[in-house]
Protein backbone atom coordinates (compact mmCIF):
# COMPACT_ATOMS: atom_id res chain seq x y z
CA UNK A 1 -0.60 25.76 -7.09
CA UNK A 2 0.18 29.18 -8.57
CA UNK A 3 -1.38 30.99 -11.52
CA UNK A 4 1.15 29.61 -14.00
CA UNK A 5 0.25 26.06 -12.97
CA UNK A 6 -3.43 26.78 -13.61
CA UNK A 7 -2.90 28.24 -17.07
CA UNK A 8 -3.42 24.92 -18.82
CA UNK A 9 -6.35 23.71 -16.70
CA UNK A 10 -9.54 23.21 -18.69
CA UNK A 11 -12.90 23.32 -16.85
CA UNK A 12 -16.32 22.35 -18.20
CA UNK A 13 -19.13 24.21 -16.40
CA UNK A 14 -22.53 22.52 -16.64
CA UNK A 15 -25.46 24.57 -15.29
CA UNK A 16 -28.95 25.10 -16.71
CA UNK A 17 -29.43 28.44 -14.94
CA UNK A 18 -27.84 31.00 -17.26
CA UNK A 19 -26.90 33.60 -14.65
CA UNK A 20 -25.40 30.97 -12.35
CA UNK A 21 -23.49 29.39 -15.27
CA UNK A 22 -22.04 32.75 -16.31
CA UNK A 23 -21.08 33.57 -12.73
CA UNK A 24 -19.28 30.26 -12.23
CA UNK A 25 -17.37 30.73 -15.49
CA UNK A 26 -16.44 34.27 -14.49
CA UNK A 27 -15.14 33.25 -11.05
CA UNK A 28 -13.10 30.36 -12.42
CA UNK A 29 -11.71 32.46 -15.29
CA UNK A 30 -10.63 35.12 -12.81
CA UNK A 31 -8.84 32.36 -10.85
CA UNK A 32 -6.80 31.50 -13.94
CA UNK A 33 -8.75 28.61 -15.46
CA UNK A 34 -9.96 28.09 -19.01
CA UNK A 35 -13.69 27.43 -18.96
CA UNK A 36 -16.30 26.11 -21.36
CA UNK A 37 -20.04 26.41 -20.58
CA UNK A 38 -22.76 23.83 -21.17
CA UNK A 39 -26.42 24.68 -20.62
CA UNK A 40 -27.60 21.12 -19.88
CA UNK A 41 -26.49 17.53 -19.37
CA UNK A 42 -27.00 16.52 -23.01
CA UNK A 43 -24.73 19.31 -24.24
CA UNK A 44 -22.15 18.41 -21.60
CA UNK A 45 -22.02 14.78 -22.76
CA UNK A 46 -21.62 15.92 -26.37
CA UNK A 47 -18.74 18.20 -25.36
CA UNK A 48 -17.05 15.42 -23.35
CA UNK A 49 -17.33 13.02 -26.30
CA UNK A 50 -15.92 15.62 -28.68
CA UNK A 51 -13.11 16.52 -26.31
CA UNK A 52 -12.08 12.86 -26.05
CA UNK A 53 -12.14 12.50 -29.83
CA UNK A 54 -10.07 15.65 -30.35
CA UNK A 55 -7.66 14.96 -27.49
CA UNK A 56 -8.22 18.19 -25.50
CA UNK A 57 -9.51 16.59 -22.32
CA UNK A 58 -11.14 18.47 -19.47
CA UNK A 59 -9.31 18.52 -16.15
CA UNK A 60 -12.43 19.15 -14.08
CA UNK A 61 -16.17 19.25 -14.67
CA UNK A 62 -18.27 21.49 -12.40
CA UNK A 63 -21.88 20.43 -12.78
CA UNK A 64 -25.26 21.06 -11.22
CA UNK A 65 -27.02 17.84 -10.20
CA UNK A 66 -30.65 18.63 -11.04
CA UNK A 67 -30.95 19.53 -14.75
CA UNK A 68 -33.85 18.53 -16.98
CA UNK A 69 -33.73 15.01 -18.41
CA UNK A 70 -29.98 14.45 -17.99
CA UNK A 71 -28.73 15.00 -14.46
CA UNK A 72 -25.29 15.86 -13.22
CA UNK A 73 -25.00 12.30 -11.92
CA UNK A 74 -25.39 10.99 -15.48
CA UNK A 75 -22.79 13.49 -16.70
CA UNK A 76 -20.46 12.25 -13.96
CA UNK A 77 -20.88 8.61 -14.97
CA UNK A 78 -20.08 9.42 -18.61
CA UNK A 79 -17.08 11.53 -17.65
CA UNK A 80 -15.65 8.96 -15.25
CA UNK A 81 -16.01 6.18 -17.82
CA UNK A 82 -13.38 7.82 -20.04
CA UNK A 83 -9.87 6.36 -20.28
CA UNK A 84 -8.30 9.40 -18.58
CA UNK A 85 -11.32 10.79 -16.74
CA UNK A 86 -11.69 14.35 -15.49
CA UNK A 87 -12.52 14.99 -11.86
CA UNK A 88 -16.12 16.07 -11.22
CA UNK A 89 -17.45 18.52 -8.65
CA UNK A 90 -21.23 18.46 -8.26
CA UNK A 91 -23.41 21.38 -7.15
CA UNK A 92 -26.67 20.91 -5.32
CA UNK A 93 -29.27 22.94 -3.51
CA UNK A 94 -30.36 19.87 -1.52
CA UNK A 95 -27.43 18.88 0.65
CA UNK A 96 -27.93 15.73 2.71
CA UNK A 97 -26.17 12.44 3.44
CA UNK A 98 -28.00 10.63 0.65
CA UNK A 99 -26.82 13.21 -1.89
CA UNK A 100 -23.24 12.92 -0.68
CA UNK A 101 -23.26 9.12 -0.87
CA UNK A 102 -24.77 9.17 -4.35
CA UNK A 103 -22.14 11.66 -5.55
CA UNK A 104 -19.35 9.48 -4.23
CA UNK A 105 -20.86 6.33 -5.72
CA UNK A 106 -20.82 7.76 -9.23
CA UNK A 107 -17.20 8.85 -8.84
CA UNK A 108 -17.46 12.56 -8.04
CA UNK A 109 -14.46 14.25 -6.46
CA UNK A 110 -16.82 16.14 -4.18
CA UNK A 111 -19.89 18.32 -4.04
CA UNK A 112 -20.81 21.82 -2.90
CA UNK A 113 -24.11 23.10 -1.56
CA UNK A 114 -25.76 26.16 -3.06
CA UNK A 115 -25.56 29.08 -2.50
CA UNK A 116 -21.95 28.58 -3.54
CA UNK A 117 -19.13 30.16 -1.57
CA UNK A 118 -16.84 31.18 -4.41
CA UNK A 119 -13.52 30.76 -2.55
CA UNK A 120 -14.61 27.23 -1.63
CA UNK A 121 -15.38 26.47 -5.26
CA UNK A 122 -11.95 27.67 -6.39
CA UNK A 123 -10.24 25.67 -3.63
CA UNK A 124 -12.09 22.49 -4.59
CA UNK A 125 -11.28 22.93 -8.26
CA UNK A 126 -7.59 23.42 -7.44
CA UNK A 127 -7.60 20.29 -5.27
CA UNK A 128 -9.30 18.31 -8.05
CA UNK A 129 -6.71 19.46 -10.61
CA UNK A 130 -3.87 18.56 -8.28
CA UNK A 131 -5.24 15.05 -7.82
CA UNK A 132 -5.81 14.55 -11.54
CA UNK A 133 -2.31 15.75 -12.41
CA UNK A 134 -0.80 13.51 -9.73
CA UNK A 135 -2.70 10.54 -11.15
CA UNK A 136 -1.55 11.47 -14.66
CA UNK A 137 2.05 11.68 -13.43
CA UNK A 138 1.76 8.23 -11.83
CA UNK A 139 0.27 6.83 -15.04
CA UNK A 140 3.15 8.25 -17.09
CA UNK A 141 5.66 6.82 -14.63
CA UNK A 142 3.97 3.41 -14.83
CA UNK A 143 4.13 3.51 -18.62
CA UNK A 144 7.82 4.43 -18.42
CA UNK A 145 8.47 1.45 -16.15
CA UNK A 146 6.57 -0.83 -18.54
CA UNK A 147 8.67 0.40 -21.44
CA UNK A 148 11.80 -0.22 -19.39
CA UNK A 149 10.60 -3.73 -18.55
CA UNK A 150 9.96 -4.31 -22.25
CA UNK A 151 13.48 -3.23 -23.10
CA UNK A 152 14.84 -5.62 -20.48
CA UNK A 153 12.69 -8.43 -21.86
CA UNK A 154 13.93 -7.84 -25.41
CA UNK A 155 17.52 -7.78 -24.21
CA UNK A 156 17.12 -11.23 -22.69
CA UNK A 157 16.56 -14.16 -25.04
CA UNK A 158 14.76 -15.87 -22.17
CA UNK A 159 14.59 -15.53 -18.44
CA UNK A 160 15.39 -19.23 -18.32
CA UNK A 161 18.88 -18.31 -19.60
CA UNK A 162 21.03 -16.41 -17.05
CA UNK A 163 21.27 -12.71 -17.82
CA UNK A 164 24.62 -11.04 -18.34
CA UNK A 165 26.18 -9.57 -15.21
CA UNK A 166 28.31 -6.48 -14.89
CA UNK A 167 32.02 -6.85 -14.06
CA UNK A 168 31.40 -6.10 -10.39
CA UNK A 169 28.64 -8.75 -10.19
CA UNK A 170 30.17 -11.53 -12.28
CA UNK A 171 29.79 -14.94 -10.67
CA UNK A 172 32.99 -15.85 -8.87
CA UNK A 173 34.34 -19.14 -7.53
CA UNK A 174 33.51 -19.53 -3.85
CA UNK A 175 36.52 -19.61 -1.58
CA UNK A 176 37.12 -23.19 -0.39
CA UNK A 177 33.42 -24.01 -0.65
CA UNK A 178 32.60 -27.37 0.90
CA UNK A 179 30.15 -29.71 -0.78
CA UNK A 180 27.81 -32.20 0.85
CA UNK A 181 30.49 -34.92 0.91
CA UNK A 182 32.86 -32.77 2.96
CA UNK A 183 35.23 -32.07 0.06
CA UNK A 184 36.06 -28.68 -1.33
CA UNK A 185 34.88 -27.77 -4.80
CA UNK A 186 36.82 -24.87 -6.27
CA UNK A 187 34.57 -24.82 -9.35
CA UNK A 188 31.42 -23.92 -7.40
CA UNK A 189 30.06 -20.47 -8.31
CA UNK A 190 27.98 -17.92 -6.51
CA UNK A 191 26.46 -14.52 -7.18
CA UNK A 192 27.23 -11.81 -4.64
CA UNK A 193 25.49 -8.47 -4.18
CA UNK A 194 26.76 -6.66 -1.12
CA UNK A 195 26.54 -9.03 1.85
CA UNK A 196 24.07 -11.27 0.06
CA UNK A 197 25.46 -14.41 -1.59
CA UNK A 198 23.52 -16.95 -3.61
CA UNK A 199 25.42 -20.24 -4.11
CA UNK A 200 24.44 -21.76 -7.43
CA UNK A 201 25.33 -25.43 -6.92
CA UNK A 202 24.24 -25.79 -3.29
CA UNK A 203 21.17 -23.58 -3.71
CA UNK A 204 22.13 -21.79 -0.52
CA UNK A 205 21.61 -18.14 0.39
CA UNK A 206 23.97 -16.42 2.82
CA UNK A 207 23.37 -12.98 4.33
CA UNK A 208 26.03 -11.38 6.52
CA UNK A 209 27.64 -14.80 6.77
CA UNK A 210 24.50 -16.55 8.02
CA UNK A 211 22.41 -19.11 6.16
CA UNK A 212 18.96 -17.98 5.04
CA UNK A 213 16.52 -20.84 4.49
CA UNK A 214 14.24 -20.28 1.50
CA UNK A 215 11.50 -22.27 -0.15
CA UNK A 216 12.12 -23.32 -3.77
CA UNK A 217 9.86 -20.51 -5.06
CA UNK A 218 11.52 -17.89 -2.84
CA UNK A 219 14.92 -19.09 -4.02
CA UNK A 220 13.81 -18.86 -7.66
CA UNK A 221 12.46 -15.31 -7.16
CA UNK A 222 15.72 -14.20 -5.58
CA UNK A 223 17.70 -15.93 -8.35
CA UNK A 224 15.68 -14.01 -10.94
CA UNK A 225 16.13 -10.61 -9.28
CA UNK A 226 19.75 -10.95 -8.17
CA UNK A 227 20.94 -11.38 -11.74
CA UNK A 228 19.83 -7.83 -12.56
CA UNK A 229 20.06 -5.76 -9.35
CA UNK A 230 18.67 -2.27 -9.76
CA UNK A 231 16.57 -3.30 -12.78
CA UNK A 232 12.80 -3.73 -12.70
CA UNK A 233 11.59 -7.21 -13.63
CA UNK A 234 7.88 -7.39 -14.43
CA UNK A 235 5.55 -9.71 -12.52
CA UNK A 236 4.98 -11.73 -15.67
CA UNK A 237 8.69 -12.16 -16.34
CA UNK A 238 9.33 -13.31 -12.77
CA UNK A 239 6.50 -15.85 -13.01
CA UNK A 240 7.87 -17.09 -16.32
CA UNK A 241 11.21 -17.67 -14.59
CA UNK A 242 9.88 -19.15 -11.35
CA UNK A 243 6.89 -21.13 -12.60
CA UNK A 244 7.77 -21.69 -16.25
CA UNK A 245 4.42 -20.33 -17.36
CA UNK A 246 2.90 -17.22 -18.90
CA UNK A 247 0.07 -15.31 -17.27
CA UNK A 248 -1.44 -11.86 -17.19
CA UNK A 249 -0.18 -9.08 -14.91
CA UNK A 250 -2.83 -9.44 -12.18
CA UNK A 251 -2.53 -13.23 -11.91
CA UNK A 252 1.27 -12.97 -11.91
CA UNK A 253 1.14 -10.50 -9.03
CA UNK A 254 -1.22 -12.74 -7.07
CA UNK A 255 1.12 -15.71 -7.60
CA UNK A 256 4.12 -13.78 -6.31
CA UNK A 257 3.04 -11.40 -3.57
CA UNK A 258 2.95 -13.84 -0.63
CA UNK A 259 6.30 -15.36 -1.60
CA UNK A 260 7.88 -11.91 -1.96
CA UNK A 261 6.51 -10.81 1.42
CA UNK A 262 8.03 -13.89 3.08
CA UNK A 263 11.29 -13.36 1.21
CA UNK A 264 11.51 -9.79 2.47
CA UNK A 265 10.96 -10.98 6.03
CA UNK A 266 13.70 -13.58 5.77
CA UNK A 267 16.16 -11.09 4.32
CA UNK A 268 15.42 -8.88 7.38
CA UNK A 269 15.41 -5.72 5.30
CA UNK A 270 13.56 -4.25 2.33
CA UNK A 271 16.08 -5.36 -0.26
CA UNK A 272 13.28 -6.10 -2.73
CA UNK A 273 11.55 -2.99 -4.02
CA UNK A 274 8.00 -3.14 -5.35
CA UNK A 275 7.26 -0.95 -8.34
CA UNK A 276 3.49 -0.73 -8.05
CA UNK A 277 1.65 -2.22 -11.00
CA UNK A 278 4.91 -3.19 -12.75
CA UNK A 279 7.10 -5.66 -10.87
CA UNK A 280 10.03 -6.02 -8.49
CA UNK A 281 13.70 -5.16 -8.37
CA UNK A 282 16.64 -5.88 -6.11
CA UNK A 283 18.29 -2.73 -4.78
CA UNK A 284 21.96 -3.34 -4.01
CA UNK A 285 22.13 -0.13 -1.95
CA UNK A 286 19.63 -1.59 0.52
CA UNK A 287 21.70 -4.73 0.94
CA UNK A 288 25.11 -3.14 1.46
């Protein structure tokens, strides 16, 4: 991370020893961070609350642990309870295993033992910012996927009604398909994506010319995804299609994950892509 990357980083420094507080702020400012000092835990909590209300969130909080009536551990709990929490680095003059475990339990990114080695402090702050920004990026990506899934949902009157297919994926009559009575049925239709074919009437799945035996739920999941290859279908939308019921995101995921794992195994390749926290999609490139 270079100096330009650090320009927007906002650090709250919580230390009841004035000279130590000023030194920490000086070192971090010289490293390219914006800093704000707090002389005790109560002030730190007030600043965190105000920052949340005003929308200028801290990236990292550097806090002493032992401070009057409100400790750094309490400050950490308050900070980590926020919707988009800052990372917290705790400072202590009493380094031991118990202190480390307690710091981790309250959600601290890490802790440093006094006397502080200033390069180590800067390195830890940089690492904390990198993790927070990566988490923020993942959150934004997840929100983008959810918006995309919402657009897909609005474009479909119901998942129980087949979605429109592109010209290259339009259901075609199977060539001389034979029904269970031994007669051909030229009206039978199938959906084909690469070497994967899903026969509508016979409820058969063929991959590379070989029959793939699926359970009814696995077949329904594949039916749902194959109609919109390359598009993310949310867990809830898949469950609505496969089970005919509505549920929340977590329960929908739990209903589907074992079936999807077995479906992947039977397809012998990772044709079904998981978009973590959102849903699944069929990737035609992985099937071809």
